[in-house]
PDB file of N, CA and C in Angstrom:
ATOM      1  N   UNK A   1       0.838  -1.236  -0.097  1.00  0.00           N
ATOM      2  CA  UNK A   1      -0.032  -0.188  -0.506  1.00  0.00           C
ATOM      3  C   UNK A   1       1.212   1.276   0.510  1.00  0.00           C
ATOM      4  N   UNK A   2       0.291   2.185  -0.491  1.00  0.00           N
ATOM      5  CA  UNK A   2       0.931   3.686  -0.420  1.00  0.00           C
ATOM      6  C   UNK A   2       1.409   4.040   0.924  1.00  0.00           C
ATOM      7  N   UNK A   3       2.527   4.681   0.764  1.00  0.00           N
ATOM      8  CA  UNK A   3       2.916   5.345   2.062  1.00  0.00           C
ATOM      9  C   UNK A   3       2.168   6.510   2.335  1.00  0.00           C
ATOM     10  N   UNK A   4       1.766   7.314   1.422  1.00  0.00           N
ATOM     11  CA  UNK A   4       0.822   8.856   1.810  1.00  0.00           C
ATOM     12  C   UNK A   4      -0.603   8.023   1.981  1.00  0.00           C
ATOM     13  N   UNK A   5      -1.186   7.158   1.270  1.00  0.00           N
ATOM     14  CA  UNK A   5      -2.607   6.816   1.941  1.00  0.00           C
ATOM     15  C   UNK A   5      -2.573   6.127   3.190  1.00  0.00           C
ATOM     16  N   UNK A   6      -1.547   4.937   3.390  1.00  0.00           N
ATOM     17  CA  UNK A   6      -1.496   4.754   5.121  1.00  0.00           C
ATOM     18  C   UNK A   6      -1.495   6.342   5.918  1.00  0.00           C
ATOM     19  N   UNK A   7      -0.503   7.333   5.761  1.00  0.00           N
ATOM     20  CA  UNK A   7      -0.545   8.130   6.715  1.00  0.00           C
ATOM     21  C   UNK A   7      -1.791   9.717   6.440  1.00  0.00           C
ATOM     22  N   UNK A   8      -2.870   8.872   5.538  1.00  0.00           N
ATOM     23  CA  UNK A   8      -3.378  10.058   5.145  1.00  0.00           C
ATOM     24  C   UNK A   8      -4.445   9.810   6.290  1.00  0.00           C
ATOM     25  N   UNK A   9      -5.156   9.325   7.231  1.00  0.00           N
ATOM     26  CA  UNK A   9      -5.691   8.776   8.225  1.00  0.00           C
ATOM     27  C   UNK A   9      -4.965   9.649   9.736  1.00  0.00           C
ATOM     28  N   UNK A  10      -5.720  10.222  10.642  1.00  0.00           N
ATOM     29  CA  UNK A  10      -5.224  10.976  11.679  1.00  0.00           C
ATOM     30  C   UNK A  10      -5.100   9.938  12.995  1.00  0.00           C
ATOM     31  N   UNK A  11      -5.802   8.913  12.873  1.00  0.00           N
ATOM     32  CA  UNK A  11      -5.801   7.705  13.833  1.00  0.00           C
ATOM     33  C   UNK A  11      -4.665   7.161  13.551  1.00  0.00           C
ATOM     34  N   UNK A  12      -4.382   6.746  12.188  1.00  0.00           N
ATOM     35  CA  UNK A  12      -3.132   5.978  11.959  1.00  0.00           C
ATOM     36  C   UNK A  12      -1.504   6.818  12.167  1.00  0.00           C
ATOM     37  N   UNK A  13      -1.518   7.508  11.749  1.00  0.00           N
ATOM     38  CA  UNK A  13      -0.553   8.947  12.516  1.00  0.00           C
ATOM     39  C   UNK A  13      -0.364   9.177  13.873  1.00  0.00           C
ATOM     40  N   UNK A  14      -1.591   9.109  14.376  1.00  0.00           N
ATOM     41  CA  UNK A  14      -1.123   9.000  15.857  1.00  0.00           C
ATOM     42  C   UNK A  14      -0.649   7.838  16.222  1.00  0.00           C
ATOM     43  N   UNK A  15      -1.196   7.125  16.240  1.00  0.00           N
ATOM     44  CA  UNK A  15      -1.004   5.320  16.205  1.00  0.00           C
ATOM     45  C   UNK A  15       0.533   5.161  15.727  1.00  0.00           C
ATOM     46  N   UNK A  16       0.831   5.624  14.776  1.00  0.00           N
ATOM     47  CA  UNK A  16       2.567   5.568  14.602  1.00  0.00           C
ATOM     48  C   UNK A  16       3.271   6.139  15.559  1.00  0.00           C
ATOM     49  N   UNK A  17       2.882   7.279  15.793  1.00  0.00           N
ATOM     50  CA  UNK A  17       3.408   8.362  16.723  1.00  0.00           C
ATOM     51  C   UNK A  17       3.452   7.844  17.825  1.00  0.00           C
ATOM     52  N   UNK A  18       2.479   7.185  18.422  1.00  0.00           N
ATOM     53  CA  UNK A  18       2.547   6.411  19.759  1.00  0.00           C
ATOM     54  C   UNK A  18       3.348   5.680  19.426  1.00  0.00           C
ATOM     55  N   UNK A  19       3.587   4.393  18.994  1.00  0.00           N
ATOM     56  CA  UNK A  19       4.956   3.622  18.790  1.00  0.00           C
ATOM     57  C   UNK A  19       6.413   4.239  18.581  1.00  0.00           C
ATOM     58  N   UNK A  20       6.457   5.480  19.034  1.00  0.00           N
ATOM     59  CA  UNK A  20       7.953   6.121  18.858  1.00  0.00           C
ATOM     60  C   UNK A  20       8.593   5.357  20.113  1.00  0.00           C
ATOM     61  N   UNK A  21       9.800   4.697  19.810  1.00  0.00           N
ATOM     62  CA  UNK A  21      10.484   4.306  20.657  1.00  0.00           C
ATOM     63  C   UNK A  21      10.201   2.731  21.737  1.00  0.00           C
ATOM     64  N   UNK A  22       8.690   2.610  21.288  1.00  0.00           N
ATOM     65  CA  UNK A  22       8.399   1.347  22.044  1.00  0.00           C
ATOM     66  C   UNK A  22       7.316   0.228  21.300  1.00  0.00           C
ATOM     67  N   UNK A  23       7.227  -0.811  21.630  1.00  0.00           N
ATOM     68  CA  UNK A  23       6.308  -1.861  21.618  1.00  0.00           C
ATOM     69  C   UNK A  23       5.065  -1.774  22.188  1.00  0.00           C
ATOM     70  N   UNK A  24       4.157  -2.246  21.478  1.00  0.00           N
ATOM     71  CA  UNK A  24       2.606  -2.112  22.140  1.00  0.00           C
ATOM     72  C   UNK A  24       1.554  -3.251  21.669  1.00  0.00           C
ATOM     73  N   UNK A  25       1.132  -3.753  22.452  1.00  0.00           N
ATOM     74  CA  UNK A  25       0.556  -4.696  21.798  1.00  0.00           C
ATOM     75  C   UNK A  25      -1.200  -4.081  21.532  1.00  0.00           C
ATOM     76  N   UNK A  26      -1.662  -4.863  20.851  1.00  0.00           N
ATOM     77  CA  UNK A  26      -2.943  -4.564  20.406  1.00  0.00           C
ATOM     78  C   UNK A  26      -4.034  -3.948  21.491  1.00  0.00           C
ATOM     79  N   UNK A  27      -3.942  -4.778  22.540  1.00  0.00           N
ATOM     80  CA  UNK A  27      -5.233  -4.011  23.495  1.00  0.00           C
ATOM     81  C   UNK A  27      -4.679  -2.564  24.189  1.00  0.00           C
ATOM     82  N   UNK A  28      -3.630  -2.639  24.292  1.00  0.00           N
ATOM     83  CA  UNK A  28      -2.747  -1.078  24.549  1.00  0.00           C
ATOM     84  C   UNK A  28      -3.369  -0.021  23.648  1.00  0.00           C
ATOM     85  N   UNK A  29      -2.932  -0.038  22.157  1.00  0.00           N
ATOM     86  CA  UNK A  29      -3.498   0.397  21.478  1.00  0.00           C
ATOM     87  C   UNK A  29      -4.617   0.555  21.426  1.00  0.00           C
ATOM     88  N   UNK A  30      -5.453  -0.255  21.494  1.00  0.00           N
ATOM     89  CA  UNK A  30      -6.879  -0.201  21.339  1.00  0.00           C
ATOM     90  C   UNK A  30      -7.824   0.813  22.494  1.00  0.00           C
ATOM     91  N   UNK A  31      -7.230   0.761  23.656  1.00  0.00           N
ATOM     92  CA  UNK A  31      -7.532   1.369  24.430  1.00  0.00           C
ATOM     93  C   UNK A  31      -6.941   3.053  24.484  1.00  0.00           C
ATOM     94  N   UNK A  32      -5.879   2.983  24.153  1.00  0.00           N
ATOM     95  CA  UNK A  32      -5.340   4.499  24.019  1.00  0.00           C
ATOM     96  C   UNK A  32      -5.907   4.870  22.904  1.00  0.00           C
ATOM     97  N   UNK A  33      -6.974   4.401  21.707  1.00  0.00           N
ATOM     98  CA  UNK A  33      -7.384   5.621  21.238  1.00  0.00           C
ATOM     99  C   UNK A  33      -8.766   5.051  21.176  1.00  0.00           C
ATOM    100  N   UNK A  34      -9.396   4.130  21.869  1.00  0.00           N
ATOM    101  CA  UNK A  34     -10.707   4.203  22.698  1.00  0.00           C
ATOM    102  C   UNK A  34     -11.735   3.499  21.108  1.00  0.00           C
ATOM    103  N   UNK A  35     -11.366   3.361  20.093  1.00  0.00           N
ATOM    104  CA  UNK A  35     -11.875   3.035  19.093  1.00  0.00           C
ATOM    105  C   UNK A  35     -11.928   1.167  18.841  1.00  0.00           C
ATOM    106  N   UNK A  36     -13.135   1.046  18.730  1.00  0.00           N
ATOM    107  CA  UNK A  36     -13.324  -0.174  18.443  1.00  0.00           C
ATOM    108  C   UNK A  36     -12.186  -1.507  18.240  1.00  0.00           C
ATOM    109  N   UNK A  37     -12.214  -2.751  18.479  1.00  0.00           N
ATOM    110  CA  UNK A  37     -10.791  -3.492  18.329  1.00  0.00           C
ATOM    111  C   UNK A  37     -10.555  -4.076  16.821  1.00  0.00           C
ATOM    112  N   UNK A  38     -11.939  -3.912  15.814  1.00  0.00           N
ATOM    113  CA  UNK A  38     -12.109  -3.641  14.440  1.00  0.00           C
ATOM    114  C   UNK A  38     -11.427  -2.987  13.651  1.00  0.00           C
ATOM    115  N   UNK A  39     -12.118  -1.796  14.488  1.00  0.00           N
ATOM    116  CA  UNK A  39     -11.222  -0.429  13.839  1.00  0.00           C
ATOM    117  C   UNK A  39      -9.827  -0.541  14.178  1.00  0.00           C
ATOM    118  N   UNK A  40      -9.540  -0.301  15.082  1.00  0.00           N
ATOM    119  CA  UNK A  40      -7.714  -0.543  15.011  1.00  0.00           C
ATOM    120  C   UNK A  40      -7.257  -1.464  14.273  1.00  0.00           C
ATOM    121  N   UNK A  41      -7.791  -3.117  14.527  1.00  0.00           N
ATOM    122  CA  UNK A  41      -7.373  -3.994  13.440  1.00  0.00           C
ATOM    123  C   UNK A  41      -7.060  -3.452  12.038  1.00  0.00           C
ATOM    124  N   UNK A  42      -8.463  -2.508  11.534  1.00  0.00           N
ATOM    125  CA  UNK A  42      -7.807  -2.275   9.833  1.00  0.00           C
ATOM    126  C   UNK A  42      -6.921  -1.113   9.764  1.00  0.00           C
ATOM    127  N   UNK A  43      -6.873   0.122  11.256  1.00  0.00           N
ATOM    128  CA  UNK A  43      -5.802   0.611  10.836  1.00  0.00           C
ATOM    129  C   UNK A  43      -4.263  -0.062  11.245  1.00  0.00           C
ATOM    130  N   UNK A  44      -4.062  -1.001  11.983  1.00  0.00           N
ATOM    131  CA  UNK A  44      -2.872  -1.474  11.965  1.00  0.00           C
ATOM    132  C   UNK A  44      -2.416  -1.895  10.784  1.00  0.00           C
ATOM    133  N   UNK A  45      -3.573  -2.970   9.779  1.00  0.00           N
ATOM    134  CA  UNK A  45      -2.926  -3.931   8.814  1.00  0.00           C
ATOM    135  C   UNK A  45      -2.840  -2.802   7.560  1.00  0.00           C
ATOM    136  N   UNK A  46      -3.683  -1.661   7.305  1.00  0.00           N
ATOM    137  CA  UNK A  46      -2.925  -0.562   6.535  1.00  0.00           C
ATOM    138  C   UNK A  46      -1.569  -0.342   6.968  1.00  0.00           C
ATOM    139  N   UNK A  47      -0.954   0.038   8.389  1.00  0.00           N
ATOM    140  CA  UNK A  47      -0.150   0.578   8.459  1.00  0.00           C
ATOM    141  C   UNK A  47       0.437  -0.559   7.973  1.00  0.00           C
ATOM    142  N   UNK A  48       0.895  -1.923   8.748  1.00  0.00           N
ATOM    143  CA  UNK A  48       1.496  -2.993   7.876  1.00  0.00           C
ATOM    144  C   UNK A  48       1.633  -3.471   6.706  1.00  0.00           C
ATOM    145  N   UNK A  49       1.098  -3.331   6.055  1.00  0.00           N
ATOM    146  CA  UNK A  49       0.951  -3.315   4.379  1.00  0.00           C
ATOM    147  C   UNK A  49       1.806  -2.079   4.324  1.00  0.00           C
ATOM    148  N   UNK A  50       1.633  -1.200   4.538  1.00  0.00           N
ATOM    149  CA  UNK A  50       2.604   0.265   3.543  1.00  0.00           C
ATOM    150  C   UNK A  50       3.775   0.585   4.266  1.00  0.00           C
ATOM    151  N   UNK A  51       4.293  -1.079   5.151  1.00  0.00           N
ATOM    152  CA  UNK A  51       5.239  -1.299   6.020  1.00  0.00           C
ATOM    153  C   UNK A  51       6.452  -0.360   7.326  1.00  0.00           C
ATOM    154  N   UNK A  52       5.255   0.287   7.605  1.00  0.00           N
ATOM    155  CA  UNK A  52       5.279   1.664   8.691  1.00  0.00           C
ATOM    156  C   UNK A  52       5.028   1.031   9.963  1.00  0.00           C
ATOM    157  N   UNK A  53       4.734  -0.400  10.029  1.00  0.00           N
ATOM    158  CA  UNK A  53       4.817  -1.140  11.588  1.00  0.00           C
ATOM    159  C   UNK A  53       5.034  -2.604  10.849  1.00  0.00           C
ATOM    160  N   UNK A  54       5.934  -2.808  12.239  1.00  0.00           N
ATOM    161  CA  UNK A  54       6.081  -4.504  12.233  1.00  0.00           C
ATOM    162  C   UNK A  54       5.018  -4.977  13.262  1.00  0.00           C
ATOM    163  N   UNK A  55       5.360  -6.153  13.256  1.00  0.00           N
ATOM    164  CA  UNK A  55       4.476  -6.947  14.193  1.00  0.00           C
ATOM    165  C   UNK A  55       4.634  -8.675  14.356  1.00  0.00           C
ATOM    166  N   UNK A  56       4.620  -8.754  15.447  1.00  0.00           N
ATOM    167  CA  UNK A  56       5.414 -10.032  16.114  1.00  0.00           C
ATOM    168  C   UNK A  56       4.040 -10.707  17.142  1.00  0.00           C
ATOM    169  N   UNK A  57       3.655 -12.248  17.106  1.00  0.00           N
ATOM    170  CA  UNK A  57       2.917 -12.699  18.076  1.00  0.00           C
ATOM    171  C   UNK A  57       3.536 -13.231  19.168  1.00  0.00           C
ATOM    172  N   UNK A  58       3.227 -13.066  20.126  1.00  0.00           N
ATOM    173  CA  UNK A  58       3.709 -14.217  21.383  1.00  0.00           C
ATOM    174  C   UNK A  58       2.392 -14.379  22.221  1.00  0.00           C
ATOM    175  N   UNK A  59       2.043 -15.647  21.904  1.00  0.00           N
ATOM    176  CA  UNK A  59       1.170 -16.532  22.203  1.00  0.00           C
ATOM    177  C   UNK A  59      -0.175 -15.798  22.261  1.00  0.00           C
ATOM    178  N   UNK A  60      -0.998 -15.083  22.941  1.00  0.00           N
ATOM    179  CA  UNK A  60      -2.146 -14.680  22.129  1.00  0.00           C
ATOM    180  C   UNK A  60      -2.053 -13.213  21.873  1.00  0.00           C
ATOM    181  N   UNK A  61      -1.154 -12.696  22.752  1.00  0.00           N
ATOM    182  CA  UNK A  61      -0.965 -11.268  21.993  1.00  0.00           C
ATOM    183  C   UNK A  61      -0.120 -11.172  20.775  1.00  0.00           C
ATOM    184  N   UNK A  62      -0.524 -10.230  20.578  1.00  0.00           N
ATOM    185  CA  UNK A  62       0.029  -9.315  18.764  1.00  0.00           C
ATOM    186  C   UNK A  62       0.774  -7.992  18.950  1.00  0.00           C
ATOM    187  N   UNK A  63       1.832  -7.553  19.298  1.00  0.00           N
ATOM    188  CA  UNK A  63       2.489  -6.732  19.397  1.00  0.00           C
ATOM    189  C   UNK A  63       3.096  -6.011  18.248  1.00  0.00           C
ATOM    190  N   UNK A  64       3.272  -4.374  18.067  1.00  0.00           N
ATOM    191  CA  UNK A  64       3.369  -3.660  17.286  1.00  0.00           C
ATOM    192  C   UNK A  64       4.578  -2.591  17.619  1.00  0.00           C
ATOM    193  N   UNK A  65       5.322  -2.480  16.474  1.00  0.00           N
ATOM    194  CA  UNK A  65       6.320  -1.230  16.734  1.00  0.00           C
ATOM    195  C   UNK A  65       7.117  -0.683  15.217  1.00  0.00           C
ATOM    196  N   UNK A  66       7.429   0.376  15.575  1.00  0.00           N
ATOM    197  CA  UNK A  66       7.528   0.861  14.176  1.00  0.00           C
ATOM    198  C   UNK A  66       8.952   0.099  13.860  1.00  0.00           C
ATOM    199  N   UNK A  67       9.215  -0.140  12.409  1.00  0.00           N
ATOM    200  CA  UNK A  67       9.951  -0.762  12.167  1.00  0.00           C
ATOM    201  C   UNK A  67      11.535  -0.318  12.276  1.00  0.00           C
ATOM    202  N   UNK A  68      12.393  -1.428  12.233  1.00  0.00           N
ATOM    203  CA  UNK A  68      13.776  -0.939  12.187  1.00  0.00           C
ATOM    204  C   UNK A  68      14.745  -0.615  11.114  1.00  0.00           C
ATOM    205  N   UNK A  69      16.332  -0.473  11.596  1.00  0.00           N
ATOM    206  CA  UNK A  69      16.599  -0.308  10.578  1.00  0.00           C
ATOM    207  C   UNK A  69      16.759  -0.733   9.565  1.00  0.00           C
ATOM    208  N   UNK A  70      15.954  -2.041   9.285  1.00  0.00           N
ATOM    209  CA  UNK A  70      16.692  -2.420   7.905  1.00  0.00           C
ATOM    210  C   UNK A  70      14.975  -2.030   6.931  1.00  0.00           C
ATOM    211  N   UNK A  71      14.138  -1.326   7.334  1.00  0.00           N
ATOM    212  CA  UNK A  71      13.048  -1.002   6.406  1.00  0.00           C
ATOM    213  C   UNK A  71      13.587   0.098   5.499  1.00  0.00           C
ATOM    214  N   UNK A  72      12.949   0.255   4.881  1.00  0.00           N
ATOM    215  CA  UNK A  72      13.135   1.205   3.203  1.00  0.00           C
ATOM    216  C   UNK A  72      13.419   2.306   3.685  1.00  0.00           C
ATOM    217  N   UNK A  73      14.251   2.682   3.010  1.00  0.00           N
ATOM    218  CA  UNK A  73      14.517   4.522   3.275  1.00  0.00           C
ATOM    219  C   UNK A  73      13.643   5.019   3.334  1.00  0.00           C
ATOM    220  N   UNK A  74      12.429   5.377   2.271  1.00  0.00           N
ATOM    221  CA  UNK A  74      11.362   5.824   2.146  1.00  0.00           C
ATOM    222  C   UNK A  74      10.438   6.033   3.477  1.00  0.00           C
ATOM    223  N   UNK A  75      10.461   4.132   3.993  1.00  0.00           N
ATOM    224  CA  UNK A  75       9.243   4.017   5.345  1.00  0.00           C
ATOM    225  C   UNK A  75      10.276   5.115   6.437  1.00  0.00           C
ATOM    226  N   UNK A  76      12.033   5.085   6.917  1.00  0.00           N
ATOM    227  CA  UNK A  76      12.155   5.392   7.665  1.00  0.00           C
ATOM    228  C   UNK A  76      12.186   7.040   7.181  1.00  0.00           C
ATOM    229  N   UNK A  77      12.428   7.065   6.392  1.00  0.00           N
ATOM    230  CA  UNK A  77      12.176   8.997   6.244  1.00  0.00           C
ATOM    231  C   UNK A  77      10.638   9.606   6.347  1.00  0.00           C
ATOM    232  N   UNK A  78       9.890   8.654   6.265  1.00  0.00           N
ATOM    233  CA  UNK A  78       8.354   9.012   6.500  1.00  0.00           C
ATOM    234  C   UNK A  78       8.140   9.289   7.644  1.00  0.00           C
ATOM    235  N   UNK A  79       8.470   8.000   8.304  1.00  0.00           N
ATOM    236  CA  UNK A  79       8.685   8.593  10.213  1.00  0.00           C
ATOM    237  C   UNK A  79       9.013   9.590  10.990  1.00  0.00           C
ATOM    238  N   UNK A  80      10.314   9.253  10.236  1.00  0.00           N
ATOM    239  CA  UNK A  80      11.046  10.433  11.015  1.00  0.00           C
ATOM    240  C   UNK A  80      10.485  12.179  10.286  1.00  0.00           C
ATOM    241  N   UNK A  81      10.000  12.206   8.833  1.00  0.00           N
ATOM    242  CA  UNK A  81       9.061  13.157   9.104  1.00  0.00           C
ATOM    243  C   UNK A  81       7.327  13.667  10.026  1.00  0.00           C
ATOM    244  N   UNK A  82       7.404  12.376   9.863  1.00  0.00           N
ATOM    245  CA  UNK A  82       6.021  13.017  10.509  1.00  0.00           C
ATOM    246  C   UNK A  82       6.033  12.877  12.120  1.00  0.00           C
ATOM    247  N   UNK A  83       7.186  12.501  12.716  1.00  0.00           N
ATOM    248  CA  UNK A  83       7.407  12.455  13.860  1.00  0.00           C
ATOM    249  C   UNK A  83       8.405  14.079  14.146  1.00  0.00           C
ATOM    250  N   UNK A  84       9.093  14.451  13.336  1.00  0.00           N
ATOM    251  CA  UNK A  84       9.042  15.814  13.408  1.00  0.00           C
ATOM    252  C   UNK A  84       7.963  16.937  13.086  1.00  0.00           C
ATOM    253  N   UNK A  85       7.651  16.531  12.125  1.00  0.00           N
ATOM    254  CA  UNK A  85       6.262  17.594  11.894  1.00  0.00           C
ATOM    255  C   UNK A  85       5.414  17.713  13.133  1.00  0.00           C
ATOM    256  N   UNK A  86       5.323  16.630  14.193  1.00  0.00           N
ATOM    257  CA  UNK A  86       4.076  16.687  14.667  1.00  0.00           C
ATOM    258  C   UNK A  86       4.666  16.221  16.279  1.00  0.00           C
ATOM    259  N   UNK A  87       5.515  16.118  16.495  1.00  0.00           N
ATOM    260  CA  UNK A  87       5.937  16.454  17.849  1.00  0.00           C
ATOM    261  C   UNK A  87       5.060  16.755  18.775  1.00  0.00           C
ATOM    262  N   UNK A  88       4.977  18.387  18.259  1.00  0.00           N
ATOM    263  CA  UNK A  88       4.375  19.248  19.465  1.00  0.00           C
ATOM    264  C   UNK A  88       3.163  19.516  19.343  1.00  0.00           C
ATOM    265  N   UNK A  89       2.196  18.789  18.098  1.00  0.00           N
ATOM    266  CA  UNK A  89       0.694  18.311  18.082  1.00  0.00           C
ATOM    267  C   UNK A  89      -0.175  18.221  19.628  1.00  0.00           C
ATOM    268  N   UNK A  90      -1.006  19.369  19.733  1.00  0.00           N
ATOM    269  CA  UNK A  90      -1.421  19.259  21.021  1.00  0.00           C
ATOM    270  C   UNK A  90      -2.241  17.530  21.092  1.00  0.00           C
ATOM    271  N   UNK A  91      -2.630  17.151  20.236  1.00  0.00           N
ATOM    272  CA  UNK A  91      -3.502  15.929  20.311  1.00  0.00           C
ATOM    273  C   UNK A  91      -2.402  14.451  20.569  1.00  0.00           C
ATOM    274  N   UNK A  92      -1.093  14.634  19.823  1.00  0.00           N
ATOM    275  CA  UNK A  92       0.058  13.837  19.950  1.00  0.00           C
ATOM    276  C   UNK A  92       0.680  14.115  21.696  1.00  0.00           C
ATOM    277  N   UNK A  93       1.146  15.392  21.841  1.00  0.00           N
ATOM    278  CA  UNK A  93       1.188  15.206  23.440  1.00  0.00           C
ATOM    279  C   UNK A  93       0.382  14.370  24.335  1.00  0.00           C
ATOM    280  N   UNK A  94      -1.044  14.976  24.275  1.00  0.00           N
ATOM    281  CA  UNK A  94      -2.077  14.464  25.192  1.00  0.00           C
ATOM    282  C   UNK A  94      -1.951  12.366  24.685  1.00  0.00           C
ATOM    283  N   UNK A  95      -2.172  11.932  23.638  1.00  0.00           N
ATOM    284  CA  UNK A  95      -1.911  10.771  23.359  1.00  0.00           C
ATOM    285  C   UNK A  95      -0.416  10.226  24.233  1.00  0.00           C
ATOM    286  N   UNK A  96       0.319  10.474  24.517  1.00  0.00           N
ATOM    287  CA  UNK A  96       1.433  10.816  24.992  1.00  0.00           C
ATOM    288  C   UNK A  96       1.456  10.389  26.268  1.00  0.00           C
ATOM    289  N   UNK A  97       0.750  11.590  27.006  1.00  0.00           N
ATOM    290  CA  UNK A  97       0.317  11.412  28.553  1.00  0.00           C
ATOM    291  C   UNK A  97      -0.523  10.218  28.602  1.00  0.00           C
ATOM    292  N   UNK A  98      -1.675  10.184  27.862  1.00  0.00           N
ATOM    293  CA  UNK A  98      -2.394   9.204  28.187  1.00  0.00           C
ATOM    294  C   UNK A  98      -1.615   8.062  28.104  1.00  0.00           C
ATOM    295  N   UNK A  99      -0.823   7.541  27.444  1.00  0.00           N
ATOM    296  CA  UNK A  99       0.193   6.284  26.932  1.00  0.00           C
ATOM    297  C   UNK A  99       1.051   6.058  28.069  1.00  0.00           C
ATOM    298  N   UNK A 100       1.442   6.674  28.933  1.00  0.00           N
ATOM    299  CA  UNK A 100       2.310   7.022  30.081  1.00  0.00           C
ATOM    300  C   UNK A 100       1.221   6.364  31.429  1.00  0.00           C
ATOM    301  N   UNK A 101       0.325   6.512  31.074  1.00  0.00           N
ATOM    302  CA  UNK A 101      -0.421   6.296  32.607  1.00  0.00           C
ATOM    303  C   UNK A 101      -1.038   4.622  31.933  1.00  0.00           C
ATOM    304  N   UNK A 102      -1.760   4.623  30.704  1.00  0.00           N
ATOM    305  CA  UNK A 102      -2.062   3.453  30.109  1.00  0.00           C
ATOM    306  C   UNK A 102      -1.107   2.309  30.624  1.00  0.00           C
ATOM    307  N   UNK A 103       0.639   2.845  30.592  1.00  0.00           N
ATOM    308  CA  UNK A 103       1.435   1.228  30.428  1.00  0.00           C
ATOM    309  C   UNK A 103       1.777   1.002  31.935  1.00  0.00           C
ATOM    310  N   UNK A 104       1.122   1.724  32.896  1.00  0.00           N
ATOM    311  CA  UNK A 104       1.027   0.984  34.130  1.00  0.00           C
ATOM    312  C   UNK A 104      -0.009  -0.220  34.671  1.00  0.00           C
ATOM    313  N   UNK A 105      -1.180  -0.360  33.171  1.00  0.00           N
ATOM    314  CA  UNK A 105      -1.806  -0.996  33.808  1.00  0.00           C
ATOM    315  C   UNK A 105      -1.662  -2.053  32.803  1.00  0.00           C
ATOM    316  N   UNK A 106      -1.800  -3.532  33.204  1.00  0.00           N
ATOM    317  CA  UNK A 106      -1.403  -5.059  32.767  1.00  0.00           C
ATOM    318  C   UNK A 106      -1.837  -5.179  31.717  1.00  0.00           C
ATOM    319  N   UNK A 107      -1.294  -5.457  30.691  1.00  0.00           N
ATOM    320  CA  UNK A 107      -1.831  -5.882  29.569  1.00  0.00           C
ATOM    321  C   UNK A 107      -2.932  -6.685  29.456  1.00  0.00           C
ATOM    322  N   UNK A 108      -2.455  -7.437  30.101  1.00  0.00           N
ATOM    323  CA  UNK A 108      -4.010  -8.700  30.269  1.00  0.00           C
ATOM    324  C   UNK A 108      -5.239  -7.963  30.790  1.00  0.00           C
ATOM    325  N   UNK A 109      -5.076  -6.896  31.585  1.00  0.00           N
ATOM    326  CA  UNK A 109      -6.287  -6.555  32.465  1.00  0.00           C
ATOM    327  C   UNK A 109      -6.910  -5.750  31.320  1.00  0.00           C
ATOM    328  N   UNK A 110      -6.019  -5.292  30.390  1.00  0.00           N
ATOM    329  CA  UNK A 110      -6.742  -4.107  29.341  1.00  0.00           C
ATOM    330  C   UNK A 110      -7.525  -4.960  28.449  1.00  0.00           C
ATOM    331  N   UNK A 111      -7.346  -6.427  27.886  1.00  0.00           N
ATOM    332  CA  UNK A 111      -7.811  -7.483  27.416  1.00  0.00           C
ATOM    333  C   UNK A 111      -9.131  -7.636  27.653  1.00  0.00           C
ATOM    334  N   UNK A 112      -9.029  -7.993  29.367  1.00  0.00           N
ATOM    335  CA  UNK A 112     -10.006  -8.789  29.783  1.00  0.00           C
ATOM    336  C   UNK A 112     -11.191  -7.385  30.004  1.00  0.00           C
ATOM    337  N   UNK A 113     -10.972  -6.264  29.975  1.00  0.00           N
ATOM    338  CA  UNK A 113     -11.744  -5.000  29.841  1.00  0.00           C
ATOM    339  C   UNK A 113     -12.587  -4.857  28.230  1.00  0.00           C
ATOM    340  N   UNK A 114     -11.931  -4.854  27.427  1.00  0.00           N
ATOM    341  CA  UNK A 114     -12.338  -4.974  26.150  1.00  0.00           C
ATOM    342  C   UNK A 114     -13.065  -5.879  25.661  1.00  0.00           C
ATOM    343  N   UNK A 115     -12.379  -7.307  26.458  1.00  0.00           N
ATOM    344  CA  UNK A 115     -13.506  -8.446  26.210  1.00  0.00           C
ATOM    345  C   UNK A 115     -14.977  -8.539  26.864  1.00  0.00           C
ATOM    346  N   UNK A 116     -15.172  -7.587  27.764  1.00  0.00           N
ATOM    347  CA  UNK A 116     -16.313  -7.399  28.674  1.00  0.00           C
ATOM    348  C   UNK A 116     -17.434  -6.135  28.167  1.00  0.00           C
ATOM    349  N   UNK A 117     -17.128  -5.743  26.883  1.00  0.00           N
ATOM    350  CA  UNK A 117     -17.807  -4.357  26.291  1.00  0.00           C
ATOM    351  C   UNK A 117     -18.519  -5.188  25.176  1.00  0.00           C
TER     352      UNK A 117
END
């Protein structure tokens, strides 16, 4: 998928920025953005197809992160540009604040909460 199409949605851009320097499980991402799991799955799939996120499965958990140094140059530059351009964005700053609190909660607890909804 085209990089620009993947970055055309504000939720996907915010998601990409939330992954800066860390790996998050799907439950953490879903909780952070408050969207339906199916919606988050679609956003993650689009970012994955564009090469903007990596994923790994560990048991029943799926973890996402930004791609490593072996990612294509265009992908690395796009991620760098987005990070630089939006670092001070109010929504991105609020996401970082919320994520800091969210990381204090065990991911299995988040998953259990989401399954009860």
